[in-house]
Amino acid sequence: MIDRDENPLEFGRVLSLSDAVFGLAMTLLVVSIAIPPGLSSPVFTQAVVDLLPRVAIMALSFAVAASAWLEHRRLFGRLQRIDSSLQRRNFLLLGLVALIPLPHQILGSYPQEPLSYVLYATVLAAVNAVMVWLAVHARRRNLLRRREADAHRLEIARGVLDIVVFGLSIPLAFLLVGWTPLVWVALLPLEVLLRRRMRRRYATRGDSR
């Protein structure tokens, strides 16, 4: 068991490793985009135009990875202790995060294939599922700081929403194909509505006490 106050060095090492994996995965998303050297002017122009959809996919993937990092940071910010089970779950999460560049590269190379979107959504759904698993474990094992219950429930609900949306996009990908990312983009307004609704509920509950 690693306590934040009793052993801040070991607690910080867990966070440093996690940040490094997230940072590497996000860097690889950018590195995967390239134009081969030695192209003639007309071919180069066409290559730049053809690159634009991949840049859009990179931006989406980067936003997804950044959102996962923010959620991870908020979760560990609420923790007072880290047990061995949570560390093992965190390693599983980091493995999935490190995997994100692979479906990203496949989707960029084969945007016309429904399976590309299925693989991408599957990995992202798995990332969110493990994140929720981490959060539930922390709550059940009493690893949280005090007065963090409401914020913790909000993040669990947000993670479940992400799992549902990415999960629904898997069968829809065979119908929507290139339009599938619109389903993922719909997460943004849905998350805002979820946060407002849950915060309003917590505020009402606090007033009634």
N, C-alpha and C. Protein backbone atom coordinates (compact mmCIF):
# COMPACT_ATOMS: atom_id res chain seq x y z
N MET A 1 0.84 -1.19 0.00
CA MET A 1 0.00 0.00 0.00
C MET A 1 0.88 1.25 0.00
N ILE A 2 0.63 2.16 -0.93
CA ILE A 2 1.40 3.41 -1.03
C ILE A 2 0.49 4.55 -0.59
N ASP A 3 0.87 5.23 0.49
CA ASP A 3 0.10 6.35 0.98
C ASP A 3 0.68 7.65 0.44
N ARG A 4 -0.19 8.55 0.00
CA ARG A 4 0.26 9.81 -0.59
C ARG A 4 1.10 10.63 0.39
N ASP A 5 0.70 10.67 1.65
CA ASP A 5 1.40 11.49 2.63
C ASP A 5 2.60 10.79 3.23
N GLU A 6 2.49 9.48 3.46
CA GLU A 6 3.58 8.75 4.10
C GLU A 6 4.71 8.42 3.14
N ASN A 7 4.39 8.21 1.86
CA ASN A 7 5.42 7.84 0.89
C ASN A 7 5.17 8.59 -0.42
N PRO A 8 5.35 9.92 -0.41
CA PRO A 8 5.05 10.71 -1.61
C PRO A 8 5.94 10.38 -2.80
N LEU A 9 7.18 9.92 -2.53
CA LEU A 9 8.09 9.58 -3.64
C LEU A 9 7.55 8.42 -4.46
N GLU A 10 7.14 7.33 -3.78
CA GLU A 10 6.60 6.17 -4.50
C GLU A 10 5.27 6.52 -5.18
N PHE A 11 4.46 7.32 -4.51
CA PHE A 11 3.20 7.75 -5.10
C PHE A 11 3.48 8.54 -6.39
N GLY A 12 4.47 9.42 -6.33
CA GLY A 12 4.82 10.22 -7.51
C GLY A 12 5.38 9.38 -8.64
N ARG A 13 6.09 8.30 -8.30
CA ARG A 13 6.65 7.44 -9.35
C ARG A 13 5.55 6.76 -10.16
N VAL A 14 4.47 6.38 -9.51
CA VAL A 14 3.34 5.78 -10.23
C VAL A 14 2.76 6.79 -11.21
N LEU A 15 2.62 8.03 -10.77
CA LEU A 15 2.08 9.07 -11.64
C LEU A 15 3.05 9.39 -12.78
N SER A 16 4.36 9.41 -12.48
CA SER A 16 5.35 9.73 -13.51
C SER A 16 5.35 8.69 -14.62
N LEU A 17 5.27 7.41 -14.24
CA LEU A 17 5.21 6.34 -15.25
C LEU A 17 3.95 6.49 -16.11
N SER A 18 2.83 6.77 -15.47
CA SER A 18 1.58 6.92 -16.20
C SER A 18 1.66 8.10 -17.17
N ASP A 19 2.18 9.23 -16.71
CA ASP A 19 2.31 10.40 -17.58
C ASP A 19 3.22 10.12 -18.76
N ALA A 20 4.29 9.35 -18.53
CA ALA A 20 5.23 9.03 -19.62
C ALA A 20 4.55 8.19 -20.70
N VAL A 21 3.73 7.22 -20.30
CA VAL A 21 3.04 6.36 -21.28
C VAL A 21 2.02 7.18 -22.07
N PHE A 22 1.27 8.01 -21.38
CA PHE A 22 0.30 8.88 -22.08
C PHE A 22 1.02 9.80 -23.05
N GLY A 23 2.13 10.40 -22.60
CA GLY A 23 2.87 11.32 -23.46
C GLY A 23 3.43 10.64 -24.69
N LEU A 24 3.97 9.42 -24.51
CA LEU A 24 4.52 8.68 -25.65
C LEU A 24 3.43 8.32 -26.65
N ALA A 25 2.28 7.87 -26.15
CA ALA A 25 1.17 7.50 -27.04
C ALA A 25 0.70 8.71 -27.84
N MET A 26 0.59 9.85 -27.20
CA MET A 26 0.14 11.06 -27.88
C MET A 26 1.17 11.54 -28.90
N THR A 27 2.46 11.36 -28.60
CA THR A 27 3.51 11.73 -29.55
C THR A 27 3.48 10.84 -30.78
N LEU A 28 3.26 9.54 -30.58
CA LEU A 28 3.22 8.61 -31.71
C LEU A 28 2.06 8.90 -32.66
N LEU A 29 0.99 9.51 -32.14
CA LEU A 29 -0.12 9.87 -33.01
C LEU A 29 0.32 10.87 -34.07
N VAL A 30 1.20 11.78 -33.69
CA VAL A 30 1.68 12.81 -34.62
C VAL A 30 2.74 12.23 -35.55
N VAL A 31 3.62 11.39 -34.99
CA VAL A 31 4.72 10.82 -35.78
C VAL A 31 4.19 9.96 -36.92
N SER A 32 2.99 9.37 -36.73
CA SER A 32 2.44 8.47 -37.76
C SER A 32 2.04 9.20 -39.03
N ILE A 33 1.99 10.53 -38.99
CA ILE A 33 1.61 11.31 -40.17
C ILE A 33 2.87 11.81 -40.86
N ALA A 34 3.05 11.47 -42.12
CA ALA A 34 4.25 11.88 -42.84
C ALA A 34 4.00 11.90 -44.34
N ILE A 35 4.79 12.70 -45.03
CA ILE A 35 4.77 12.74 -46.50
C ILE A 35 6.14 12.29 -46.98
N PRO A 36 6.19 11.31 -47.88
CA PRO A 36 7.49 10.82 -48.34
C PRO A 36 8.29 11.90 -49.07
N PRO A 37 9.61 11.91 -48.93
CA PRO A 37 10.43 12.92 -49.61
C PRO A 37 10.58 12.63 -51.10
N GLY A 38 11.02 13.63 -51.84
CA GLY A 38 11.35 13.45 -53.25
C GLY A 38 10.17 13.51 -54.20
N LEU A 39 9.03 14.03 -53.76
CA LEU A 39 7.85 14.09 -54.63
C LEU A 39 7.95 15.31 -55.56
N SER A 40 7.42 15.15 -56.76
CA SER A 40 7.33 16.30 -57.66
C SER A 40 6.25 17.26 -57.15
N SER A 41 6.22 18.48 -57.67
CA SER A 41 5.31 19.50 -57.17
C SER A 41 3.84 19.08 -57.25
N PRO A 42 3.34 18.58 -58.40
CA PRO A 42 1.92 18.18 -58.45
C PRO A 42 1.61 17.04 -57.49
N VAL A 43 2.51 16.06 -57.43
CA VAL A 43 2.28 14.92 -56.54
C VAL A 43 2.32 15.37 -55.08
N PHE A 44 3.23 16.29 -54.78
CA PHE A 44 3.33 16.81 -53.42
C PHE A 44 2.04 17.51 -53.01
N THR A 45 1.50 18.32 -53.91
CA THR A 45 0.25 19.03 -53.62
C THR A 45 -0.88 18.05 -53.33
N GLN A 46 -0.97 17.01 -54.14
CA GLN A 46 -2.01 16.00 -53.93
C GLN A 46 -1.78 15.24 -52.63
N ALA A 47 -0.51 15.00 -52.30
CA ALA A 47 -0.19 14.30 -51.05
C ALA A 47 -0.62 15.11 -49.83
N VAL A 48 -0.44 16.43 -49.92
CA VAL A 48 -0.88 17.31 -48.82
C VAL A 48 -2.39 17.26 -48.67
N VAL A 49 -3.10 17.32 -49.81
CA VAL A 49 -4.56 17.26 -49.78
C VAL A 49 -5.03 15.93 -49.20
N ASP A 50 -4.39 14.84 -49.64
CA ASP A 50 -4.77 13.52 -49.13
C ASP A 50 -4.46 13.36 -47.65
N LEU A 51 -3.55 14.18 -47.15
CA LEU A 51 -3.14 14.09 -45.75
C LEU A 51 -4.15 14.73 -44.80
N LEU A 52 -4.99 15.61 -45.31
CA LEU A 52 -5.91 16.35 -44.45
C LEU A 52 -6.85 15.45 -43.64
N PRO A 53 -7.45 14.40 -44.24
CA PRO A 53 -8.29 13.51 -43.42
C PRO A 53 -7.51 12.84 -42.30
N ARG A 54 -6.24 12.49 -42.55
CA ARG A 54 -5.43 11.86 -41.52
C ARG A 54 -5.12 12.85 -40.40
N VAL A 55 -4.94 14.11 -40.76
CA VAL A 55 -4.71 15.12 -39.74
C VAL A 55 -5.95 15.27 -38.86
N ALA A 56 -7.13 15.21 -39.48
CA ALA A 56 -8.37 15.29 -38.71
C ALA A 56 -8.50 14.11 -37.76
N ILE A 57 -8.14 12.92 -38.23
CA ILE A 57 -8.19 11.73 -37.38
C ILE A 57 -7.16 11.85 -36.25
N MET A 58 -5.97 12.40 -36.57
CA MET A 58 -4.96 12.61 -35.55
C MET A 58 -5.47 13.55 -34.46
N ALA A 59 -6.15 14.63 -34.89
CA ALA A 59 -6.68 15.59 -33.93
C ALA A 59 -7.71 14.93 -33.01
N LEU A 60 -8.56 14.08 -33.61
CA LEU A 60 -9.55 13.36 -32.82
C LEU A 60 -8.88 12.41 -31.84
N SER A 61 -7.89 11.65 -32.33
CA SER A 61 -7.18 10.69 -31.47
C SER A 61 -6.44 11.41 -30.35
N PHE A 62 -5.83 12.54 -30.67
CA PHE A 62 -5.11 13.32 -29.66
C PHE A 62 -6.08 13.82 -28.59
N ALA A 63 -7.24 14.29 -29.04
CA ALA A 63 -8.25 14.78 -28.09
C ALA A 63 -8.74 13.65 -27.18
N VAL A 64 -8.91 12.46 -27.75
CA VAL A 64 -9.36 11.32 -26.96
C VAL A 64 -8.29 10.93 -25.94
N ALA A 65 -7.03 10.86 -26.38
CA ALA A 65 -5.95 10.51 -25.47
C ALA A 65 -5.78 11.57 -24.38
N ALA A 66 -5.90 12.84 -24.76
CA ALA A 66 -5.79 13.92 -23.78
C ALA A 66 -6.92 13.85 -22.76
N SER A 67 -8.13 13.53 -23.22
CA SER A 67 -9.27 13.38 -22.32
C SER A 67 -9.04 12.23 -21.33
N ALA A 68 -8.47 11.12 -21.83
CA ALA A 68 -8.17 9.99 -20.96
C ALA A 68 -7.12 10.37 -19.92
N TRP A 69 -6.12 11.15 -20.35
CA TRP A 69 -5.09 11.60 -19.39
C TRP A 69 -5.68 12.50 -18.32
N LEU A 70 -6.56 13.42 -18.73
CA LEU A 70 -7.20 14.31 -17.76
C LEU A 70 -8.04 13.51 -16.75
N GLU A 71 -8.76 12.51 -17.25
CA GLU A 71 -9.56 11.68 -16.36
C GLU A 71 -8.66 10.91 -15.40
N HIS A 72 -7.54 10.40 -15.93
CA HIS A 72 -6.57 9.67 -15.09
C HIS A 72 -6.00 10.60 -14.02
N ARG A 73 -5.66 11.83 -14.41
CA ARG A 73 -5.10 12.80 -13.46
C ARG A 73 -6.11 13.14 -12.37
N ARG A 74 -7.37 13.31 -12.75
CA ARG A 74 -8.40 13.61 -11.76
C ARG A 74 -8.60 12.44 -10.80
N LEU A 75 -8.57 11.22 -11.36
CA LEU A 75 -8.74 10.04 -10.51
C LEU A 75 -7.63 9.95 -9.47
N PHE A 76 -6.37 10.05 -9.92
CA PHE A 76 -5.25 9.93 -9.00
C PHE A 76 -5.15 11.14 -8.08
N GLY A 77 -5.71 12.27 -8.49
CA GLY A 77 -5.76 13.42 -7.61
C GLY A 77 -6.70 13.21 -6.44
N ARG A 78 -7.69 12.31 -6.61
CA ARG A 78 -8.63 12.02 -5.54
C ARG A 78 -8.15 10.90 -4.62
N LEU A 79 -7.08 10.21 -5.01
CA LEU A 79 -6.59 9.08 -4.24
C LEU A 79 -5.75 9.51 -3.05
N GLN A 80 -5.93 8.80 -1.94
CA GLN A 80 -5.05 8.95 -0.79
C GLN A 80 -4.05 7.79 -0.73
N ARG A 81 -4.49 6.63 -1.22
CA ARG A 81 -3.64 5.43 -1.18
C ARG A 81 -3.74 4.68 -2.50
N ILE A 82 -2.69 3.93 -2.81
CA ILE A 82 -2.65 3.06 -3.98
C ILE A 82 -2.30 1.66 -3.51
N ASP A 83 -3.18 0.69 -3.76
CA ASP A 83 -2.86 -0.68 -3.38
C ASP A 83 -2.35 -1.46 -4.59
N SER A 84 -1.93 -2.69 -4.37
CA SER A 84 -1.33 -3.49 -5.44
C SER A 84 -2.34 -3.81 -6.54
N SER A 85 -3.61 -4.01 -6.17
CA SER A 85 -4.64 -4.30 -7.18
C SER A 85 -4.86 -3.11 -8.09
N LEU A 86 -4.87 -1.92 -7.52
CA LEU A 86 -5.04 -0.73 -8.34
C LEU A 86 -3.84 -0.54 -9.27
N GLN A 87 -2.65 -0.85 -8.79
CA GLN A 87 -1.47 -0.74 -9.65
C GLN A 87 -1.56 -1.69 -10.84
N ARG A 88 -2.03 -2.92 -10.60
CA ARG A 88 -2.17 -3.87 -11.71
C ARG A 88 -3.20 -3.38 -12.72
N ARG A 89 -4.29 -2.84 -12.25
CA ARG A 89 -5.30 -2.29 -13.15
C ARG A 89 -4.74 -1.08 -13.91
N ASN A 90 -3.93 -0.31 -13.25
CA ASN A 90 -3.32 0.85 -13.91
C ASN A 90 -2.38 0.41 -15.02
N PHE A 91 -1.63 -0.68 -14.79
CA PHE A 91 -0.75 -1.20 -15.85
C PHE A 91 -1.57 -1.66 -17.06
N LEU A 92 -2.71 -2.28 -16.80
CA LEU A 92 -3.58 -2.70 -17.90
C LEU A 92 -4.07 -1.47 -18.67
N LEU A 93 -4.45 -0.44 -17.96
CA LEU A 93 -4.89 0.80 -18.60
C LEU A 93 -3.78 1.39 -19.46
N LEU A 94 -2.57 1.45 -18.92
CA LEU A 94 -1.45 2.02 -19.67
C LEU A 94 -1.13 1.20 -20.91
N GLY A 95 -1.30 -0.12 -20.82
CA GLY A 95 -1.10 -0.95 -22.00
C GLY A 95 -2.09 -0.63 -23.10
N LEU A 96 -3.34 -0.38 -22.73
CA LEU A 96 -4.35 -0.01 -23.72
C LEU A 96 -4.09 1.38 -24.29
N VAL A 97 -3.62 2.29 -23.44
CA VAL A 97 -3.29 3.63 -23.92
C VAL A 97 -2.14 3.56 -24.92
N ALA A 98 -1.14 2.74 -24.62
CA ALA A 98 -0.01 2.58 -25.54
C ALA A 98 -0.45 1.96 -26.87
N LEU A 99 -1.60 1.27 -26.85
CA LEU A 99 -2.12 0.63 -28.06
C LEU A 99 -2.87 1.60 -28.97
N ILE A 100 -3.28 2.74 -28.45
CA ILE A 100 -4.11 3.68 -29.23
C ILE A 100 -3.48 4.05 -30.58
N PRO A 101 -2.16 4.27 -30.69
CA PRO A 101 -1.60 4.62 -32.01
C PRO A 101 -1.83 3.57 -33.09
N LEU A 102 -1.99 2.29 -32.70
CA LEU A 102 -2.19 1.24 -33.71
C LEU A 102 -3.53 1.38 -34.43
N PRO A 103 -4.68 1.38 -33.73
CA PRO A 103 -5.94 1.58 -34.47
C PRO A 103 -6.01 2.95 -35.12
N HIS A 104 -5.32 3.94 -34.53
CA HIS A 104 -5.26 5.26 -35.16
C HIS A 104 -4.58 5.18 -36.52
N GLN A 105 -3.48 4.45 -36.60
CA GLN A 105 -2.75 4.31 -37.86
C GLN A 105 -3.58 3.51 -38.88
N ILE A 106 -4.23 2.46 -38.40
CA ILE A 106 -5.07 1.65 -39.29
C ILE A 106 -6.22 2.49 -39.85
N LEU A 107 -6.84 3.28 -38.97
CA LEU A 107 -7.96 4.11 -39.42
C LEU A 107 -7.50 5.16 -40.42
N GLY A 108 -6.31 5.73 -40.20
CA GLY A 108 -5.79 6.72 -41.14
C GLY A 108 -5.46 6.12 -42.49
N SER A 109 -5.03 4.86 -42.51
CA SER A 109 -4.64 4.21 -43.77
C SER A 109 -5.83 3.59 -44.49
N TYR A 110 -6.87 3.18 -43.73
CA TYR A 110 -8.02 2.50 -44.35
C TYR A 110 -9.33 3.12 -43.85
N PRO A 111 -9.56 4.41 -44.14
CA PRO A 111 -10.79 5.07 -43.65
C PRO A 111 -12.06 4.57 -44.33
N GLN A 112 -11.90 3.80 -45.40
CA GLN A 112 -13.07 3.30 -46.11
C GLN A 112 -13.53 1.94 -45.58
N GLU A 113 -12.78 1.37 -44.63
CA GLU A 113 -13.09 0.04 -44.10
C GLU A 113 -13.82 0.15 -42.76
N PRO A 114 -15.03 -0.40 -42.64
CA PRO A 114 -15.75 -0.35 -41.36
C PRO A 114 -14.95 -0.96 -40.20
N LEU A 115 -14.18 -2.00 -40.49
CA LEU A 115 -13.42 -2.67 -39.43
C LEU A 115 -12.41 -1.72 -38.78
N SER A 116 -11.92 -0.74 -39.54
CA SER A 116 -11.00 0.23 -38.96
C SER A 116 -11.65 1.01 -37.83
N TYR A 117 -12.91 1.39 -38.03
CA TYR A 117 -13.65 2.13 -37.01
C TYR A 117 -14.02 1.21 -35.84
N VAL A 118 -14.28 -0.05 -36.15
CA VAL A 118 -14.60 -1.02 -35.10
C VAL A 118 -13.40 -1.21 -34.17
N LEU A 119 -12.21 -1.38 -34.75
CA LEU A 119 -11.00 -1.55 -33.94
C LEU A 119 -10.74 -0.32 -33.09
N TYR A 120 -10.88 0.85 -33.69
CA TYR A 120 -10.65 2.10 -32.97
C TYR A 120 -11.61 2.23 -31.80
N ALA A 121 -12.90 2.03 -32.05
CA ALA A 121 -13.91 2.16 -31.00
C ALA A 121 -13.73 1.12 -29.91
N THR A 122 -13.31 -0.09 -30.29
CA THR A 122 -13.10 -1.15 -29.32
C THR A 122 -12.00 -0.79 -28.33
N VAL A 123 -10.88 -0.28 -28.86
CA VAL A 123 -9.76 0.10 -27.98
C VAL A 123 -10.17 1.24 -27.06
N LEU A 124 -10.88 2.24 -27.60
CA LEU A 124 -11.29 3.38 -26.78
C LEU A 124 -12.33 2.99 -25.74
N ALA A 125 -13.23 2.08 -26.10
CA ALA A 125 -14.20 1.58 -25.13
C ALA A 125 -13.48 0.82 -24.01
N ALA A 126 -12.45 0.05 -24.38
CA ALA A 126 -11.68 -0.70 -23.39
C ALA A 126 -10.93 0.23 -22.45
N VAL A 127 -10.36 1.32 -23.00
CA VAL A 127 -9.66 2.30 -22.16
C VAL A 127 -10.62 2.87 -21.12
N ASN A 128 -11.80 3.26 -21.54
CA ASN A 128 -12.77 3.83 -20.61
C ASN A 128 -13.29 2.79 -19.62
N ALA A 129 -13.43 1.55 -20.08
CA ALA A 129 -13.91 0.49 -19.18
C ALA A 129 -12.90 0.25 -18.05
N VAL A 130 -11.61 0.21 -18.37
CA VAL A 130 -10.59 0.00 -17.34
C VAL A 130 -10.52 1.22 -16.42
N MET A 131 -10.71 2.42 -16.99
CA MET A 131 -10.71 3.62 -16.17
C MET A 131 -11.84 3.56 -15.14
N VAL A 132 -13.03 3.13 -15.56
CA VAL A 132 -14.15 2.98 -14.64
C VAL A 132 -13.84 1.89 -13.61
N TRP A 133 -13.22 0.82 -14.06
CA TRP A 133 -12.82 -0.27 -13.15
C TRP A 133 -11.89 0.25 -12.06
N LEU A 134 -10.93 1.07 -12.45
CA LEU A 134 -10.03 1.70 -11.49
C LEU A 134 -10.81 2.54 -10.47
N ALA A 135 -11.71 3.35 -10.98
CA ALA A 135 -12.46 4.25 -10.11
C ALA A 135 -13.35 3.48 -9.13
N VAL A 136 -14.02 2.44 -9.62
CA VAL A 136 -14.88 1.64 -8.75
C VAL A 136 -14.05 0.92 -7.70
N HIS A 137 -12.90 0.38 -8.11
CA HIS A 137 -12.01 -0.29 -7.16
C HIS A 137 -11.56 0.68 -6.07
N ALA A 138 -11.18 1.89 -6.45
CA ALA A 138 -10.72 2.88 -5.48
C ALA A 138 -11.82 3.20 -4.46
N ARG A 139 -13.05 3.26 -4.94
CA ARG A 139 -14.15 3.57 -4.04
C ARG A 139 -14.44 2.41 -3.10
N ARG A 140 -14.45 1.19 -3.63
CA ARG A 140 -14.76 0.03 -2.80
C ARG A 140 -13.68 -0.25 -1.76
N ARG A 141 -12.43 -0.01 -2.11
CA ARG A 141 -11.31 -0.27 -1.19
C ARG A 141 -10.98 0.93 -0.30
N ASN A 142 -11.80 1.96 -0.37
CA ASN A 142 -11.61 3.14 0.49
C ASN A 142 -10.22 3.75 0.28
N LEU A 143 -9.85 3.94 -0.98
CA LEU A 143 -8.55 4.51 -1.30
C LEU A 143 -8.63 6.02 -1.54
N LEU A 144 -9.83 6.57 -1.47
CA LEU A 144 -10.02 7.97 -1.81
C LEU A 144 -9.76 8.89 -0.62
N ARG A 145 -9.44 10.15 -0.97
CA ARG A 145 -9.40 11.17 0.06
C ARG A 145 -10.82 11.45 0.55
N ARG A 146 -10.94 12.13 1.65
CA ARG A 146 -12.26 12.48 2.16
C ARG A 146 -12.90 13.56 1.28
N ARG A 147 -14.22 13.59 1.30
CA ARG A 147 -15.00 14.61 0.59
C ARG A 147 -14.79 14.57 -0.91
N GLU A 148 -14.54 13.39 -1.46
CA GLU A 148 -14.36 13.26 -2.90
C GLU A 148 -15.45 12.40 -3.54
N ALA A 149 -16.45 12.01 -2.75
CA ALA A 149 -17.44 11.04 -3.24
C ALA A 149 -18.23 11.55 -4.43
N ASP A 150 -18.73 12.79 -4.36
CA ASP A 150 -19.56 13.31 -5.45
C ASP A 150 -18.78 13.43 -6.75
N ALA A 151 -17.56 13.99 -6.68
CA ALA A 151 -16.72 14.11 -7.87
C ALA A 151 -16.39 12.74 -8.44
N HIS A 152 -16.20 11.76 -7.56
CA HIS A 152 -15.86 10.41 -8.01
C HIS A 152 -17.03 9.78 -8.75
N ARG A 153 -18.24 9.95 -8.23
CA ARG A 153 -19.42 9.40 -8.92
C ARG A 153 -19.60 10.05 -10.28
N LEU A 154 -19.32 11.33 -10.37
CA LEU A 154 -19.44 12.04 -11.64
C LEU A 154 -18.49 11.46 -12.68
N GLU A 155 -17.25 11.18 -12.29
CA GLU A 155 -16.28 10.64 -13.24
C GLU A 155 -16.63 9.20 -13.64
N ILE A 156 -17.18 8.44 -12.71
CA ILE A 156 -17.62 7.08 -13.06
C ILE A 156 -18.75 7.14 -14.08
N ALA A 157 -19.71 8.04 -13.84
CA ALA A 157 -20.83 8.19 -14.77
C ALA A 157 -20.34 8.64 -16.14
N ARG A 158 -19.38 9.56 -16.17
CA ARG A 158 -18.83 10.03 -17.44
C ARG A 158 -18.14 8.89 -18.18
N GLY A 159 -17.41 8.07 -17.44
CA GLY A 159 -16.74 6.93 -18.07
C GLY A 159 -17.72 5.93 -18.64
N VAL A 160 -18.81 5.68 -17.92
CA VAL A 160 -19.84 4.76 -18.41
C VAL A 160 -20.47 5.31 -19.68
N LEU A 161 -20.71 6.62 -19.71
CA LEU A 161 -21.26 7.25 -20.92
C LEU A 161 -20.33 7.04 -22.11
N ASP A 162 -19.05 7.21 -21.91
CA ASP A 162 -18.09 7.00 -23.01
C ASP A 162 -18.10 5.55 -23.49
N ILE A 163 -18.18 4.62 -22.55
CA ILE A 163 -18.22 3.20 -22.93
C ILE A 163 -19.45 2.93 -23.80
N VAL A 164 -20.60 3.47 -23.39
CA VAL A 164 -21.85 3.25 -24.14
C VAL A 164 -21.75 3.82 -25.55
N VAL A 165 -21.24 5.05 -25.66
CA VAL A 165 -21.16 5.69 -26.98
C VAL A 165 -20.19 4.94 -27.89
N PHE A 166 -19.00 4.64 -27.40
CA PHE A 166 -18.04 3.89 -28.23
C PHE A 166 -18.56 2.50 -28.56
N GLY A 167 -19.25 1.88 -27.58
CA GLY A 167 -19.82 0.56 -27.84
C GLY A 167 -20.90 0.60 -28.91
N LEU A 168 -21.77 1.60 -28.86
CA LEU A 168 -22.83 1.73 -29.87
C LEU A 168 -22.25 2.00 -31.25
N SER A 169 -21.12 2.70 -31.31
CA SER A 169 -20.54 3.03 -32.61
C SER A 169 -19.96 1.81 -33.32
N ILE A 170 -19.73 0.73 -32.58
CA ILE A 170 -19.14 -0.47 -33.21
C ILE A 170 -20.10 -1.07 -34.25
N PRO A 171 -21.36 -1.40 -33.90
CA PRO A 171 -22.25 -1.90 -34.96
C PRO A 171 -22.63 -0.82 -35.96
N LEU A 172 -22.72 0.44 -35.51
CA LEU A 172 -23.09 1.53 -36.41
C LEU A 172 -22.02 1.78 -37.48
N ALA A 173 -20.77 1.40 -37.18
CA ALA A 173 -19.68 1.63 -38.13
C ALA A 173 -19.91 0.92 -39.45
N PHE A 174 -20.60 -0.21 -39.41
CA PHE A 174 -20.86 -0.95 -40.65
C PHE A 174 -21.90 -0.24 -41.52
N LEU A 175 -22.67 0.67 -40.94
CA LEU A 175 -23.64 1.45 -41.69
C LEU A 175 -23.10 2.84 -42.03
N LEU A 176 -22.44 3.47 -41.05
CA LEU A 176 -21.99 4.86 -41.23
C LEU A 176 -20.63 4.97 -41.90
N VAL A 177 -19.75 3.99 -41.66
CA VAL A 177 -18.39 3.97 -42.18
C VAL A 177 -17.71 5.33 -41.90
N GLY A 178 -17.47 6.15 -42.91
CA GLY A 178 -16.73 7.39 -42.71
C GLY A 178 -17.42 8.42 -41.84
N TRP A 179 -18.70 8.25 -41.59
CA TRP A 179 -19.45 9.17 -40.73
C TRP A 179 -19.42 8.74 -39.26
N THR A 180 -18.81 7.61 -38.98
CA THR A 180 -18.78 7.09 -37.61
C THR A 180 -18.18 8.07 -36.60
N PRO A 181 -17.11 8.82 -36.95
CA PRO A 181 -16.56 9.77 -35.96
C PRO A 181 -17.57 10.78 -35.43
N LEU A 182 -18.66 11.03 -36.18
CA LEU A 182 -19.68 11.95 -35.67
C LEU A 182 -20.32 11.41 -34.39
N VAL A 183 -20.40 10.09 -34.30
CA VAL A 183 -20.94 9.47 -33.08
C VAL A 183 -20.01 9.77 -31.91
N TRP A 184 -18.70 9.69 -32.15
CA TRP A 184 -17.73 9.95 -31.07
C TRP A 184 -17.73 11.43 -30.69
N VAL A 185 -17.87 12.32 -31.68
CA VAL A 185 -17.90 13.75 -31.40
C VAL A 185 -19.11 14.11 -30.55
N ALA A 186 -20.19 13.32 -30.69
CA ALA A 186 -21.40 13.57 -29.90
C ALA A 186 -21.14 13.43 -28.40
N LEU A 187 -20.03 12.81 -28.03
CA LEU A 187 -19.69 12.68 -26.61
C LEU A 187 -19.51 14.04 -25.94
N LEU A 188 -18.99 15.01 -26.68
CA LEU A 188 -18.68 16.30 -26.08
C LEU A 188 -19.91 16.98 -25.47
N PRO A 189 -20.99 17.20 -26.25
CA PRO A 189 -22.18 17.81 -25.62
C PRO A 189 -22.84 16.90 -24.60
N LEU A 190 -22.78 15.58 -24.81
CA LEU A 190 -23.39 14.66 -23.86
C LEU A 190 -22.69 14.73 -22.50
N GLU A 191 -21.35 14.83 -22.53
CA GLU A 191 -20.60 14.92 -21.27
C GLU A 191 -20.91 16.23 -20.55
N VAL A 192 -21.05 17.31 -21.31
CA VAL A 192 -21.39 18.60 -20.69
C VAL A 192 -22.75 18.51 -20.00
N LEU A 193 -23.73 17.91 -20.69
CA LEU A 193 -25.07 17.76 -20.11
C LEU A 193 -25.03 16.87 -18.87
N LEU A 194 -24.24 15.80 -18.93
CA LEU A 194 -24.14 14.89 -17.78
C LEU A 194 -23.56 15.61 -16.57
N ARG A 195 -22.48 16.36 -16.79
CA ARG A 195 -21.85 17.08 -15.68
C ARG A 195 -22.81 18.09 -15.06
N ARG A 196 -23.52 18.83 -15.89
CA ARG A 196 -24.45 19.83 -15.37
C ARG A 196 -25.58 19.18 -14.58
N ARG A 197 -26.09 18.07 -15.09
CA ARG A 197 -27.20 17.41 -14.41
C ARG A 197 -26.77 16.84 -13.07
N MET A 198 -25.60 16.20 -13.03
CA MET A 198 -25.15 15.58 -11.79
C MET A 198 -24.75 16.63 -10.77
N ARG A 199 -24.13 17.70 -11.22
CA ARG A 199 -23.76 18.77 -10.29
C ARG A 199 -24.99 19.45 -9.71
N ARG A 200 -26.03 19.59 -10.54
CA ARG A 200 -27.28 20.18 -10.06
C ARG A 200 -27.91 19.26 -9.01
N ARG A 201 -27.83 17.95 -9.25
CA ARG A 201 -28.39 17.00 -8.29
C ARG A 201 -27.65 17.06 -6.96
N TYR A 202 -26.29 17.12 -7.04
CA TYR A 202 -25.51 17.19 -5.81
C TYR A 202 -25.78 18.49 -5.06
N ALA A 203 -25.96 19.59 -5.81
CA ALA A 203 -26.24 20.88 -5.17
C ALA A 203 -27.59 20.83 -4.47
N THR A 204 -28.58 20.21 -5.13
CA THR A 204 -29.92 20.09 -4.52
C THR A 204 -29.87 19.21 -3.28
N ARG A 205 -29.10 18.14 -3.35
CA ARG A 205 -28.95 17.25 -2.21
C ARG A 205 -28.29 17.96 -1.04
N GLY A 206 -27.29 18.80 -1.37
CA GLY A 206 -26.59 19.53 -0.31
C GLY A 206 -27.50 20.55 0.35
N ASP A 207 -28.37 21.19 -0.44
CA ASP A 207 -29.28 22.20 0.12
C ASP A 207 -30.34 21.58 1.02
N SER A 208 -30.68 20.32 0.71
CA SER A 208 -31.76 19.66 1.47
C SER A 208 -31.28 19.13 2.81
N ARG A 209 -29.93 19.09 3.01
CA ARG A 209 -29.40 18.54 4.26
C ARG A 209 -29.54 19.57 5.39
